[in-house]
Amino acid sequence: MVLRICGGARDLASLRGSGCLNRLLDRPQLLPVDAFSYLAVLLSIVLGLGLTQLLTAGGRIIRQRASIRLHWLPILWAAILFLIYLQVWWAMYGFRLRREWSFLSFAIVLAQTALLYLMAAVVLPEQIDDAGSDLALYFDRHHRWFFGLFFLTLIVSVVKDVVVSSQVPGVVNLGFHLLFAAGCMIGMLVRRWRAQEVLGIAFAALMLSYVGLLFARLR
């Protein structure tokens, strides 16, 4: 096989003389793909689809702004969700050293990304008809689904640490999860618009603090 690759070399002596053997030995060897690199392909696809959903909806709103009644709150939630996507992708770097994976642990991590995708599909309108769209009315119609999915994502996030990392999240991390969960419950139960606006601002501040305290550096 080596002699065929090296063309004119007819024996090992001529092979050494031609320098082809040295070039073959210098070629990097193909290494087997580790488990997380293989599993991360599907995870990255789902996360990429969610980010695409967010960015496409944002671009659609910009293009059709003349026929849309804008409101800052749904756009703020879309920005918060975008930050959550970045944080989840950033945190997944911590799985790179894990060699042993079970179907259950992978399914839980995938469930988290799937719920995030559904949140992206709900937070902003996917289509805007000729009559236009009211972002405030749209969010009021779908906010219970949005906060319900957010609440489920938080539960799956805690379960993920227990199953995949075999430990309960740290005190600070768990405290943030409880605050987010309480906010989701308020968001589902309280419909008053002023309360929803205060909740959105509070979530934005909490999310920035969460990322700043726990995910400022890649680990």
N, C-alpha and C. Protein backbone atom coordinates (compact mmCIF):
# COMPACT_ATOMS: atom_id res chain seq x y z
N MET A 1 0.83 -1.21 0.00
CA MET A 1 0.00 0.00 0.00
C MET A 1 0.87 1.26 0.00
N VAL A 2 1.91 1.26 0.86
CA VAL A 2 2.79 2.43 0.94
C VAL A 2 3.49 2.66 -0.38
N LEU A 3 3.94 1.55 -1.03
CA LEU A 3 4.64 1.68 -2.30
C LEU A 3 3.71 2.24 -3.36
N ARG A 4 2.43 1.84 -3.32
CA ARG A 4 1.48 2.38 -4.31
C ARG A 4 1.24 3.87 -4.08
N ILE A 5 1.18 4.28 -2.81
CA ILE A 5 0.96 5.70 -2.52
C ILE A 5 2.14 6.53 -2.99
N CYS A 6 3.35 5.99 -2.85
CA CYS A 6 4.54 6.76 -3.19
C CYS A 6 4.90 6.68 -4.67
N GLY A 7 4.10 6.10 -5.44
CA GLY A 7 4.27 6.18 -6.89
C GLY A 7 5.47 5.43 -7.40
N GLY A 8 6.54 6.16 -7.74
CA GLY A 8 7.69 5.55 -8.41
C GLY A 8 8.56 4.69 -7.54
N ALA A 9 8.38 4.71 -6.21
CA ALA A 9 9.23 3.91 -5.33
C ALA A 9 8.89 2.43 -5.51
N ARG A 10 9.93 1.62 -5.85
CA ARG A 10 9.71 0.20 -6.12
C ARG A 10 10.11 -0.69 -4.95
N ASP A 11 10.95 -0.21 -4.05
CA ASP A 11 11.33 -1.00 -2.88
C ASP A 11 11.58 -0.05 -1.72
N LEU A 12 11.92 -0.62 -0.54
CA LEU A 12 12.11 0.22 0.65
C LEU A 12 13.31 1.14 0.51
N ALA A 13 14.34 0.68 -0.20
CA ALA A 13 15.52 1.53 -0.36
C ALA A 13 15.18 2.80 -1.15
N SER A 14 14.50 2.61 -2.28
CA SER A 14 14.12 3.77 -3.06
C SER A 14 13.07 4.61 -2.34
N LEU A 15 12.30 3.96 -1.49
CA LEU A 15 11.29 4.68 -0.70
C LEU A 15 11.97 5.64 0.26
N ARG A 16 13.04 5.16 0.91
CA ARG A 16 13.77 6.04 1.82
C ARG A 16 14.46 7.16 1.06
N GLY A 17 14.95 6.83 -0.08
CA GLY A 17 15.65 7.84 -0.86
C GLY A 17 14.74 8.92 -1.40
N SER A 18 13.52 8.58 -1.69
CA SER A 18 12.61 9.56 -2.27
C SER A 18 12.06 10.54 -1.25
N GLY A 19 12.20 10.22 0.03
CA GLY A 19 11.66 11.11 1.06
C GLY A 19 10.18 10.92 1.31
N CYS A 20 9.55 10.02 0.57
CA CYS A 20 8.11 9.80 0.73
C CYS A 20 7.81 9.20 2.10
N LEU A 21 8.70 8.30 2.58
CA LEU A 21 8.46 7.67 3.86
C LEU A 21 8.40 8.70 4.98
N ASN A 22 9.30 9.68 4.91
CA ASN A 22 9.30 10.73 5.93
C ASN A 22 8.00 11.54 5.90
N ARG A 23 7.50 11.79 4.68
CA ARG A 23 6.25 12.55 4.57
C ARG A 23 5.08 11.76 5.14
N LEU A 24 5.09 10.43 4.93
CA LEU A 24 4.02 9.61 5.48
C LEU A 24 4.06 9.59 7.01
N LEU A 25 5.28 9.50 7.56
CA LEU A 25 5.41 9.46 9.01
C LEU A 25 5.04 10.79 9.64
N ASP A 26 5.20 11.87 8.90
CA ASP A 26 4.88 13.20 9.43
C ASP A 26 3.39 13.48 9.42
N ARG A 27 2.61 12.67 8.70
CA ARG A 27 1.18 12.93 8.64
C ARG A 27 0.55 12.68 10.01
N PRO A 28 -0.35 13.58 10.47
CA PRO A 28 -1.02 13.34 11.76
C PRO A 28 -1.92 12.13 11.68
N GLN A 29 -1.91 11.34 12.72
CA GLN A 29 -2.75 10.15 12.76
C GLN A 29 -4.18 10.52 13.16
N LEU A 30 -5.14 9.83 12.61
CA LEU A 30 -6.53 10.06 12.97
C LEU A 30 -6.80 9.49 14.36
N LEU A 31 -7.34 10.33 15.24
CA LEU A 31 -7.62 9.91 16.60
C LEU A 31 -9.11 9.59 16.74
N PRO A 32 -9.45 8.64 17.57
CA PRO A 32 -10.86 8.32 17.78
C PRO A 32 -11.59 9.49 18.43
N VAL A 33 -12.85 9.69 18.06
CA VAL A 33 -13.65 10.77 18.61
C VAL A 33 -14.09 10.39 20.02
N ASP A 34 -13.88 11.29 20.99
CA ASP A 34 -14.32 11.00 22.35
C ASP A 34 -15.83 11.13 22.44
N ALA A 35 -16.39 10.61 23.53
CA ALA A 35 -17.85 10.51 23.66
C ALA A 35 -18.53 11.87 23.60
N PHE A 36 -18.00 12.85 24.36
CA PHE A 36 -18.68 14.14 24.40
C PHE A 36 -18.60 14.87 23.06
N SER A 37 -17.48 14.77 22.36
CA SER A 37 -17.38 15.40 21.04
C SER A 37 -18.43 14.84 20.10
N TYR A 38 -18.67 13.55 20.21
CA TYR A 38 -19.70 12.92 19.37
C TYR A 38 -21.10 13.40 19.78
N LEU A 39 -21.40 13.39 21.07
CA LEU A 39 -22.73 13.78 21.55
C LEU A 39 -22.97 15.28 21.36
N ALA A 40 -21.92 16.07 21.44
CA ALA A 40 -22.06 17.52 21.34
C ALA A 40 -22.54 17.97 19.96
N VAL A 41 -22.38 17.11 18.96
CA VAL A 41 -22.84 17.47 17.61
C VAL A 41 -24.35 17.74 17.63
N LEU A 42 -25.12 16.81 18.20
CA LEU A 42 -26.57 16.99 18.24
C LEU A 42 -26.96 18.14 19.15
N LEU A 43 -26.28 18.28 20.28
CA LEU A 43 -26.56 19.39 21.19
C LEU A 43 -26.33 20.73 20.52
N SER A 44 -25.24 20.85 19.78
CA SER A 44 -24.93 22.11 19.11
C SER A 44 -25.93 22.41 18.01
N ILE A 45 -26.44 21.37 17.35
CA ILE A 45 -27.45 21.59 16.31
C ILE A 45 -28.72 22.18 16.92
N VAL A 46 -29.18 21.61 18.04
CA VAL A 46 -30.40 22.10 18.67
C VAL A 46 -30.20 23.53 19.18
N LEU A 47 -29.07 23.78 19.82
CA LEU A 47 -28.79 25.14 20.29
C LEU A 47 -28.69 26.11 19.12
N GLY A 48 -28.06 25.66 18.03
CA GLY A 48 -27.95 26.52 16.85
C GLY A 48 -29.31 26.84 16.25
N LEU A 49 -30.21 25.86 16.25
CA LEU A 49 -31.56 26.11 15.73
C LEU A 49 -32.30 27.12 16.60
N GLY A 50 -32.12 27.03 17.91
CA GLY A 50 -32.76 27.99 18.80
C GLY A 50 -32.23 29.40 18.60
N LEU A 51 -30.91 29.54 18.48
CA LEU A 51 -30.34 30.85 18.21
C LEU A 51 -30.81 31.39 16.87
N THR A 52 -30.90 30.51 15.88
CA THR A 52 -31.40 30.92 14.57
C THR A 52 -32.84 31.41 14.68
N GLN A 53 -33.64 30.73 15.47
CA GLN A 53 -35.03 31.13 15.69
C GLN A 53 -35.10 32.53 16.28
N LEU A 54 -34.28 32.79 17.29
CA LEU A 54 -34.27 34.11 17.93
C LEU A 54 -33.82 35.20 16.96
N LEU A 55 -32.72 34.96 16.27
CA LEU A 55 -32.17 35.98 15.38
C LEU A 55 -33.08 36.21 14.17
N THR A 56 -33.69 35.14 13.66
CA THR A 56 -34.62 35.28 12.54
C THR A 56 -35.84 36.10 12.94
N ALA A 57 -36.39 35.82 14.13
CA ALA A 57 -37.54 36.58 14.61
C ALA A 57 -37.16 38.05 14.82
N GLY A 58 -35.96 38.28 15.37
CA GLY A 58 -35.52 39.67 15.54
C GLY A 58 -35.35 40.39 14.22
N GLY A 59 -34.76 39.72 13.24
CA GLY A 59 -34.62 40.32 11.91
C GLY A 59 -35.96 40.59 11.26
N ARG A 60 -36.91 39.68 11.45
CA ARG A 60 -38.25 39.86 10.88
C ARG A 60 -38.93 41.09 11.48
N ILE A 61 -38.75 41.29 12.78
CA ILE A 61 -39.35 42.46 13.43
C ILE A 61 -38.73 43.75 12.90
N ILE A 62 -37.43 43.74 12.68
CA ILE A 62 -36.77 44.94 12.14
C ILE A 62 -37.26 45.24 10.74
N ARG A 63 -37.37 44.20 9.91
CA ARG A 63 -37.79 44.41 8.53
C ARG A 63 -39.24 44.88 8.44
N GLN A 64 -40.09 44.36 9.30
CA GLN A 64 -41.51 44.67 9.21
C GLN A 64 -41.98 45.58 10.35
N ARG A 65 -41.07 46.42 10.84
CA ARG A 65 -41.37 47.28 11.98
C ARG A 65 -42.51 48.26 11.70
N ALA A 66 -42.72 48.61 10.43
CA ALA A 66 -43.79 49.55 10.10
C ALA A 66 -45.17 48.97 10.37
N SER A 67 -45.29 47.65 10.31
CA SER A 67 -46.58 47.01 10.52
C SER A 67 -46.68 46.32 11.87
N ILE A 68 -45.73 46.59 12.76
CA ILE A 68 -45.71 45.95 14.07
C ILE A 68 -45.85 47.01 15.16
N ARG A 69 -46.67 46.70 16.13
CA ARG A 69 -46.76 47.54 17.32
C ARG A 69 -45.73 47.03 18.32
N LEU A 70 -44.63 47.73 18.42
CA LEU A 70 -43.50 47.26 19.22
C LEU A 70 -43.74 47.45 20.71
N HIS A 71 -43.10 46.61 21.49
CA HIS A 71 -43.03 46.79 22.94
C HIS A 71 -41.71 46.21 23.42
N TRP A 72 -41.09 46.89 24.37
CA TRP A 72 -39.74 46.52 24.77
C TRP A 72 -39.68 45.21 25.58
N LEU A 73 -40.77 44.83 26.28
CA LEU A 73 -40.69 43.67 27.17
C LEU A 73 -40.43 42.35 26.43
N PRO A 74 -41.19 42.01 25.38
CA PRO A 74 -40.86 40.76 24.66
C PRO A 74 -39.46 40.78 24.07
N ILE A 75 -39.01 41.95 23.62
CA ILE A 75 -37.65 42.05 23.07
C ILE A 75 -36.62 41.84 24.17
N LEU A 76 -36.91 42.36 25.39
CA LEU A 76 -36.01 42.13 26.52
C LEU A 76 -35.93 40.65 26.86
N TRP A 77 -37.07 39.95 26.84
CA TRP A 77 -37.05 38.52 27.13
C TRP A 77 -36.27 37.74 26.06
N ALA A 78 -36.38 38.17 24.82
CA ALA A 78 -35.60 37.53 23.76
C ALA A 78 -34.10 37.74 24.00
N ALA A 79 -33.72 38.93 24.46
CA ALA A 79 -32.31 39.20 24.76
C ALA A 79 -31.84 38.36 25.95
N ILE A 80 -32.69 38.23 26.98
CA ILE A 80 -32.34 37.38 28.13
C ILE A 80 -32.16 35.94 27.68
N LEU A 81 -33.07 35.47 26.83
CA LEU A 81 -32.97 34.10 26.33
C LEU A 81 -31.71 33.90 25.50
N PHE A 82 -31.34 34.90 24.73
CA PHE A 82 -30.10 34.83 23.96
C PHE A 82 -28.90 34.66 24.90
N LEU A 83 -28.91 35.41 26.01
CA LEU A 83 -27.83 35.28 26.99
C LEU A 83 -27.83 33.89 27.63
N ILE A 84 -29.02 33.34 27.88
CA ILE A 84 -29.10 31.99 28.44
C ILE A 84 -28.49 30.97 27.48
N TYR A 85 -28.77 31.12 26.20
CA TYR A 85 -28.17 30.23 25.21
C TYR A 85 -26.65 30.28 25.28
N LEU A 86 -26.10 31.48 25.34
CA LEU A 86 -24.65 31.61 25.42
C LEU A 86 -24.11 30.98 26.69
N GLN A 87 -24.81 31.19 27.81
CA GLN A 87 -24.36 30.63 29.08
C GLN A 87 -24.38 29.11 29.06
N VAL A 88 -25.43 28.52 28.49
CA VAL A 88 -25.53 27.06 28.43
C VAL A 88 -24.41 26.49 27.56
N TRP A 89 -24.19 27.09 26.42
CA TRP A 89 -23.11 26.61 25.53
C TRP A 89 -21.76 26.77 26.21
N TRP A 90 -21.56 27.90 26.90
CA TRP A 90 -20.31 28.18 27.62
C TRP A 90 -20.09 27.13 28.72
N ALA A 91 -21.15 26.82 29.47
CA ALA A 91 -21.02 25.88 30.59
C ALA A 91 -20.77 24.46 30.13
N MET A 92 -21.21 24.11 28.92
CA MET A 92 -21.02 22.75 28.42
C MET A 92 -19.55 22.40 28.22
N TYR A 93 -18.69 23.39 28.19
CA TYR A 93 -17.26 23.12 28.10
C TYR A 93 -16.79 22.27 29.28
N GLY A 94 -17.49 22.39 30.41
CA GLY A 94 -17.12 21.61 31.59
C GLY A 94 -17.32 20.11 31.43
N PHE A 95 -18.06 19.69 30.40
CA PHE A 95 -18.28 18.26 30.16
C PHE A 95 -17.17 17.62 29.35
N ARG A 96 -16.20 18.39 28.89
CA ARG A 96 -15.23 17.88 27.94
C ARG A 96 -14.38 16.75 28.51
N LEU A 97 -14.18 16.73 29.83
CA LEU A 97 -13.33 15.71 30.45
C LEU A 97 -14.12 14.48 30.89
N ARG A 98 -15.42 14.53 30.75
CA ARG A 98 -16.23 13.38 31.15
C ARG A 98 -16.16 12.31 30.07
N ARG A 99 -15.71 11.12 30.45
CA ARG A 99 -15.52 10.03 29.48
C ARG A 99 -16.71 9.08 29.43
N GLU A 100 -17.36 8.86 30.57
CA GLU A 100 -18.44 7.89 30.63
C GLU A 100 -19.79 8.60 30.53
N TRP A 101 -20.58 8.19 29.54
CA TRP A 101 -21.92 8.75 29.35
C TRP A 101 -22.93 7.64 29.26
N SER A 102 -24.07 7.87 29.91
CA SER A 102 -25.20 6.94 29.78
C SER A 102 -26.26 7.60 28.91
N PHE A 103 -27.18 6.79 28.42
CA PHE A 103 -28.26 7.34 27.61
C PHE A 103 -29.09 8.33 28.42
N LEU A 104 -29.30 8.03 29.72
CA LEU A 104 -30.09 8.92 30.58
C LEU A 104 -29.42 10.29 30.72
N SER A 105 -28.13 10.31 31.00
CA SER A 105 -27.44 11.59 31.18
C SER A 105 -27.46 12.40 29.89
N PHE A 106 -27.27 11.75 28.75
CA PHE A 106 -27.32 12.48 27.48
C PHE A 106 -28.73 12.99 27.22
N ALA A 107 -29.75 12.18 27.52
CA ALA A 107 -31.14 12.59 27.28
C ALA A 107 -31.50 13.81 28.12
N ILE A 108 -30.98 13.89 29.34
CA ILE A 108 -31.28 15.03 30.20
C ILE A 108 -30.63 16.30 29.65
N VAL A 109 -29.38 16.20 29.23
CA VAL A 109 -28.72 17.37 28.63
C VAL A 109 -29.44 17.80 27.36
N LEU A 110 -29.86 16.84 26.55
CA LEU A 110 -30.59 17.16 25.32
C LEU A 110 -31.94 17.78 25.64
N ALA A 111 -32.60 17.30 26.72
CA ALA A 111 -33.90 17.85 27.10
C ALA A 111 -33.77 19.33 27.45
N GLN A 112 -32.67 19.70 28.10
CA GLN A 112 -32.47 21.12 28.43
C GLN A 112 -32.37 21.97 27.16
N THR A 113 -31.61 21.52 26.19
CA THR A 113 -31.48 22.27 24.94
C THR A 113 -32.80 22.30 24.17
N ALA A 114 -33.56 21.20 24.22
CA ALA A 114 -34.84 21.16 23.53
C ALA A 114 -35.83 22.15 24.14
N LEU A 115 -35.85 22.25 25.47
CA LEU A 115 -36.74 23.21 26.13
C LEU A 115 -36.33 24.64 25.79
N LEU A 116 -35.05 24.89 25.69
CA LEU A 116 -34.59 26.22 25.30
C LEU A 116 -35.05 26.56 23.88
N TYR A 117 -35.04 25.58 23.00
CA TYR A 117 -35.52 25.82 21.65
C TYR A 117 -37.01 26.19 21.66
N LEU A 118 -37.80 25.48 22.46
CA LEU A 118 -39.23 25.79 22.55
C LEU A 118 -39.46 27.19 23.12
N MET A 119 -38.63 27.60 24.05
CA MET A 119 -38.73 28.97 24.57
C MET A 119 -38.47 29.98 23.47
N ALA A 120 -37.47 29.70 22.64
CA ALA A 120 -37.17 30.60 21.52
C ALA A 120 -38.31 30.66 20.53
N ALA A 121 -39.04 29.55 20.37
CA ALA A 121 -40.16 29.51 19.44
C ALA A 121 -41.37 30.28 19.95
N VAL A 122 -41.42 30.52 21.26
CA VAL A 122 -42.59 31.15 21.87
C VAL A 122 -42.38 32.64 22.14
N VAL A 123 -41.14 33.04 22.42
CA VAL A 123 -40.91 34.39 22.96
C VAL A 123 -41.27 35.50 21.97
N LEU A 124 -41.06 35.28 20.68
CA LEU A 124 -41.38 36.28 19.66
C LEU A 124 -42.22 35.64 18.56
N PRO A 125 -43.08 36.41 17.90
CA PRO A 125 -43.94 35.82 16.85
C PRO A 125 -43.12 35.27 15.70
N GLU A 126 -43.52 34.11 15.22
CA GLU A 126 -42.81 33.48 14.10
C GLU A 126 -43.26 34.03 12.77
N GLN A 127 -44.50 34.50 12.69
CA GLN A 127 -45.03 35.07 11.45
C GLN A 127 -45.74 36.37 11.76
N ILE A 128 -45.69 37.29 10.82
CA ILE A 128 -46.37 38.57 10.94
C ILE A 128 -47.24 38.73 9.71
N ASP A 129 -48.56 38.77 9.91
CA ASP A 129 -49.47 38.83 8.77
C ASP A 129 -49.59 40.27 8.26
N ASP A 130 -50.41 40.43 7.21
CA ASP A 130 -50.56 41.75 6.58
C ASP A 130 -51.16 42.78 7.54
N ALA A 131 -51.95 42.31 8.51
CA ALA A 131 -52.57 43.23 9.46
C ALA A 131 -51.60 43.68 10.54
N GLY A 132 -50.40 43.12 10.54
CA GLY A 132 -49.41 43.50 11.52
C GLY A 132 -49.50 42.64 12.77
N SER A 133 -48.73 43.00 13.78
CA SER A 133 -48.69 42.24 15.01
C SER A 133 -48.42 43.17 16.18
N ASP A 134 -49.01 42.84 17.31
CA ASP A 134 -48.83 43.60 18.54
C ASP A 134 -47.98 42.74 19.47
N LEU A 135 -46.72 43.16 19.72
CA LEU A 135 -45.83 42.33 20.52
C LEU A 135 -46.33 42.18 21.95
N ALA A 136 -46.91 43.23 22.51
CA ALA A 136 -47.43 43.14 23.87
C ALA A 136 -48.58 42.14 23.95
N LEU A 137 -49.47 42.21 22.98
CA LEU A 137 -50.60 41.28 22.95
C LEU A 137 -50.12 39.85 22.73
N TYR A 138 -49.13 39.68 21.87
CA TYR A 138 -48.57 38.35 21.61
C TYR A 138 -47.96 37.77 22.88
N PHE A 139 -47.18 38.58 23.59
CA PHE A 139 -46.54 38.08 24.80
C PHE A 139 -47.58 37.76 25.87
N ASP A 140 -48.61 38.59 25.99
CA ASP A 140 -49.66 38.34 26.96
C ASP A 140 -50.38 37.02 26.66
N ARG A 141 -50.50 36.69 25.39
CA ARG A 141 -51.18 35.46 24.99
C ARG A 141 -50.34 34.22 25.27
N HIS A 142 -49.01 34.37 25.22
CA HIS A 142 -48.14 33.20 25.31
C HIS A 142 -47.24 33.20 26.55
N HIS A 143 -47.38 34.16 27.45
CA HIS A 143 -46.41 34.27 28.54
C HIS A 143 -46.45 33.07 29.49
N ARG A 144 -47.63 32.45 29.68
CA ARG A 144 -47.69 31.29 30.58
C ARG A 144 -46.89 30.11 30.01
N TRP A 145 -46.96 29.92 28.71
CA TRP A 145 -46.15 28.87 28.07
C TRP A 145 -44.66 29.19 28.21
N PHE A 146 -44.31 30.45 28.01
CA PHE A 146 -42.90 30.84 28.10
C PHE A 146 -42.35 30.58 29.50
N PHE A 147 -43.06 31.05 30.52
CA PHE A 147 -42.58 30.85 31.88
C PHE A 147 -42.67 29.39 32.31
N GLY A 148 -43.67 28.67 31.81
CA GLY A 148 -43.76 27.24 32.12
C GLY A 148 -42.58 26.47 31.56
N LEU A 149 -42.20 26.77 30.32
CA LEU A 149 -41.02 26.13 29.73
C LEU A 149 -39.74 26.54 30.46
N PHE A 150 -39.68 27.80 30.86
CA PHE A 150 -38.52 28.28 31.63
C PHE A 150 -38.41 27.51 32.95
N PHE A 151 -39.54 27.32 33.63
CA PHE A 151 -39.56 26.58 34.89
C PHE A 151 -39.08 25.15 34.69
N LEU A 152 -39.56 24.49 33.65
CA LEU A 152 -39.12 23.12 33.36
C LEU A 152 -37.62 23.07 33.05
N THR A 153 -37.13 24.09 32.34
CA THR A 153 -35.70 24.15 32.03
C THR A 153 -34.87 24.22 33.30
N LEU A 154 -35.33 24.99 34.28
CA LEU A 154 -34.60 25.09 35.54
C LEU A 154 -34.57 23.75 36.28
N ILE A 155 -35.70 23.05 36.27
CA ILE A 155 -35.74 21.73 36.92
C ILE A 155 -34.77 20.78 36.24
N VAL A 156 -34.81 20.75 34.92
CA VAL A 156 -33.91 19.87 34.17
C VAL A 156 -32.45 20.25 34.42
N SER A 157 -32.18 21.54 34.57
CA SER A 157 -30.81 21.99 34.82
C SER A 157 -30.28 21.43 36.13
N VAL A 158 -31.11 21.44 37.18
CA VAL A 158 -30.68 20.89 38.47
C VAL A 158 -30.52 19.37 38.37
N VAL A 159 -31.48 18.71 37.74
CA VAL A 159 -31.40 17.26 37.57
C VAL A 159 -30.16 16.88 36.76
N LYS A 160 -29.83 17.70 35.79
CA LYS A 160 -28.64 17.44 34.97
C LYS A 160 -27.38 17.39 35.82
N ASP A 161 -27.23 18.35 36.74
CA ASP A 161 -26.06 18.35 37.61
C ASP A 161 -26.03 17.11 38.50
N VAL A 162 -27.19 16.69 39.00
CA VAL A 162 -27.24 15.53 39.87
C VAL A 162 -26.90 14.25 39.11
N VAL A 163 -27.46 14.10 37.91
CA VAL A 163 -27.27 12.86 37.15
C VAL A 163 -25.91 12.84 36.44
N VAL A 164 -25.58 13.92 35.77
CA VAL A 164 -24.35 13.94 34.96
C VAL A 164 -23.12 14.15 35.82
N SER A 165 -23.18 15.12 36.73
CA SER A 165 -22.01 15.44 37.56
C SER A 165 -22.03 14.75 38.91
N SER A 166 -23.11 14.04 39.23
CA SER A 166 -23.24 13.30 40.49
C SER A 166 -23.10 14.21 41.71
N GLN A 167 -23.61 15.43 41.59
CA GLN A 167 -23.58 16.35 42.72
C GLN A 167 -24.66 17.40 42.57
N VAL A 168 -25.11 17.92 43.70
CA VAL A 168 -26.10 18.98 43.70
C VAL A 168 -25.39 20.29 43.34
N PRO A 169 -26.04 21.20 42.59
CA PRO A 169 -25.40 22.47 42.27
C PRO A 169 -24.94 23.19 43.54
N GLY A 170 -23.90 23.99 43.42
CA GLY A 170 -23.39 24.74 44.55
C GLY A 170 -24.44 25.67 45.14
N VAL A 171 -24.14 26.21 46.31
CA VAL A 171 -25.11 27.03 47.02
C VAL A 171 -25.52 28.24 46.20
N VAL A 172 -24.56 28.94 45.63
CA VAL A 172 -24.86 30.14 44.84
C VAL A 172 -25.66 29.77 43.59
N ASN A 173 -25.21 28.73 42.91
CA ASN A 173 -25.89 28.28 41.69
C ASN A 173 -27.32 27.86 42.00
N LEU A 174 -27.50 27.08 43.05
CA LEU A 174 -28.84 26.62 43.44
C LEU A 174 -29.72 27.79 43.88
N GLY A 175 -29.10 28.77 44.56
CA GLY A 175 -29.86 29.95 44.97
C GLY A 175 -30.40 30.72 43.79
N PHE A 176 -29.59 30.88 42.76
CA PHE A 176 -30.06 31.55 41.55
C PHE A 176 -31.19 30.75 40.89
N HIS A 177 -31.05 29.44 40.86
CA HIS A 177 -32.11 28.60 40.28
C HIS A 177 -33.44 28.78 41.03
N LEU A 178 -33.36 28.86 42.34
CA LEU A 178 -34.58 29.06 43.13
C LEU A 178 -35.20 30.43 42.86
N LEU A 179 -34.36 31.45 42.73
CA LEU A 179 -34.87 32.78 42.42
C LEU A 179 -35.53 32.81 41.04
N PHE A 180 -34.88 32.19 40.07
CA PHE A 180 -35.46 32.12 38.72
C PHE A 180 -36.78 31.35 38.74
N ALA A 181 -36.81 30.24 39.49
CA ALA A 181 -38.03 29.44 39.56
C ALA A 181 -39.17 30.23 40.19
N ALA A 182 -38.87 30.98 41.27
CA ALA A 182 -39.90 31.81 41.90
C ALA A 182 -40.40 32.87 40.92
N GLY A 183 -39.48 33.45 40.16
CA GLY A 183 -39.88 34.44 39.16
C GLY A 183 -40.77 33.84 38.08
N CYS A 184 -40.47 32.61 37.69
CA CYS A 184 -41.30 31.94 36.68
C CYS A 184 -42.72 31.70 37.20
N MET A 185 -42.81 31.32 38.47
CA MET A 185 -44.14 31.11 39.06
C MET A 185 -44.93 32.41 39.08
N ILE A 186 -44.26 33.50 39.44
CA ILE A 186 -44.92 34.80 39.43
C ILE A 186 -45.36 35.16 38.02
N GLY A 187 -44.47 34.92 37.04
CA GLY A 187 -44.79 35.24 35.65
C GLY A 187 -45.98 34.46 35.13
N MET A 188 -46.14 33.20 35.58
CA MET A 188 -47.28 32.41 35.13
C MET A 188 -48.58 32.83 35.79
N LEU A 189 -48.52 33.25 37.07
CA LEU A 189 -49.73 33.51 37.83
C LEU A 189 -50.21 34.96 37.76
N VAL A 190 -49.27 35.90 37.62
CA VAL A 190 -49.62 37.32 37.62
C VAL A 190 -49.70 37.83 36.19
N ARG A 191 -50.83 38.43 35.87
CA ARG A 191 -51.01 38.90 34.49
C ARG A 191 -50.88 40.41 34.36
N ARG A 192 -50.88 41.13 35.47
CA ARG A 192 -50.80 42.59 35.40
C ARG A 192 -49.54 43.02 34.66
N TRP A 193 -49.72 43.93 33.72
CA TRP A 193 -48.61 44.28 32.83
C TRP A 193 -47.46 44.94 33.57
N ARG A 194 -47.79 45.81 34.55
CA ARG A 194 -46.73 46.48 35.30
C ARG A 194 -45.88 45.46 36.05
N ALA A 195 -46.51 44.44 36.62
CA ALA A 195 -45.76 43.39 37.31
C ALA A 195 -44.89 42.62 36.33
N GLN A 196 -45.39 42.37 35.13
CA GLN A 196 -44.59 41.67 34.12
C GLN A 196 -43.37 42.50 33.71
N GLU A 197 -43.51 43.80 33.63
CA GLU A 197 -42.37 44.65 33.28
C GLU A 197 -41.31 44.64 34.37
N VAL A 198 -41.74 44.75 35.63
CA VAL A 198 -40.79 44.68 36.75
C VAL A 198 -40.09 43.33 36.77
N LEU A 199 -40.85 42.27 36.51
CA LEU A 199 -40.27 40.92 36.50
C LEU A 199 -39.22 40.78 35.40
N GLY A 200 -39.49 41.34 34.22
CA GLY A 200 -38.52 41.26 33.14
C GLY A 200 -37.22 41.97 33.48
N ILE A 201 -37.31 43.15 34.08
CA ILE A 201 -36.11 43.88 34.48
C ILE A 201 -35.35 43.12 35.57
N ALA A 202 -36.09 42.55 36.52
CA ALA A 202 -35.45 41.78 37.59
C ALA A 202 -34.73 40.55 37.03
N PHE A 203 -35.35 39.85 36.09
CA PHE A 203 -34.72 38.69 35.47
C PHE A 203 -33.44 39.08 34.73
N ALA A 204 -33.48 40.21 34.04
CA ALA A 204 -32.30 40.67 33.31
C ALA A 204 -31.14 40.93 34.27
N ALA A 205 -31.43 41.60 35.39
CA ALA A 205 -30.39 41.87 36.38
C ALA A 205 -29.87 40.57 37.00
N LEU A 206 -30.79 39.65 37.32
CA LEU A 206 -30.38 38.37 37.90
C LEU A 206 -29.52 37.56 36.93
N MET A 207 -29.92 37.54 35.66
CA MET A 207 -29.17 36.75 34.69
C MET A 207 -27.78 37.31 34.47
N LEU A 208 -27.65 38.63 34.42
CA LEU A 208 -26.33 39.24 34.29
C LEU A 208 -25.47 38.93 35.51
N SER A 209 -26.06 38.97 36.70
CA SER A 209 -25.32 38.64 37.91
C SER A 209 -24.91 37.18 37.93
N TYR A 210 -25.82 36.31 37.48
CA TYR A 210 -25.55 34.87 37.45
C TYR A 210 -24.36 34.56 36.55
N VAL A 211 -24.37 35.12 35.36
CA VAL A 211 -23.25 34.88 34.44
C VAL A 211 -21.97 35.50 34.96
N GLY A 212 -22.06 36.71 35.50
CA GLY A 212 -20.88 37.39 35.99
C GLY A 212 -20.22 36.68 37.16
N LEU A 213 -21.03 36.11 38.05
CA LEU A 213 -20.47 35.47 39.25
C LEU A 213 -19.97 34.06 38.98
N LEU A 214 -20.66 33.30 38.13
CA LEU A 214 -20.34 31.88 37.98
C LEU A 214 -19.72 31.50 36.64
N PHE A 215 -19.87 32.34 35.63
CA PHE A 215 -19.41 31.92 34.30
C PHE A 215 -18.58 32.99 33.60
N ALA A 216 -17.86 33.77 34.40
CA ALA A 216 -17.05 34.84 33.81
C ALA A 216 -15.87 34.28 33.01
N ARG A 217 -15.38 33.11 33.42
CA ARG A 217 -14.23 32.49 32.74
C ARG A 217 -14.57 31.08 32.32
N LEU A 218 -13.97 30.66 31.23
CA LEU A 218 -14.18 29.31 30.73
C LEU A 218 -13.42 28.32 31.63
N ARG A 219 -14.14 27.29 32.10
CA ARG A 219 -13.53 26.32 33.03
C ARG A 219 -13.65 24.91 32.47
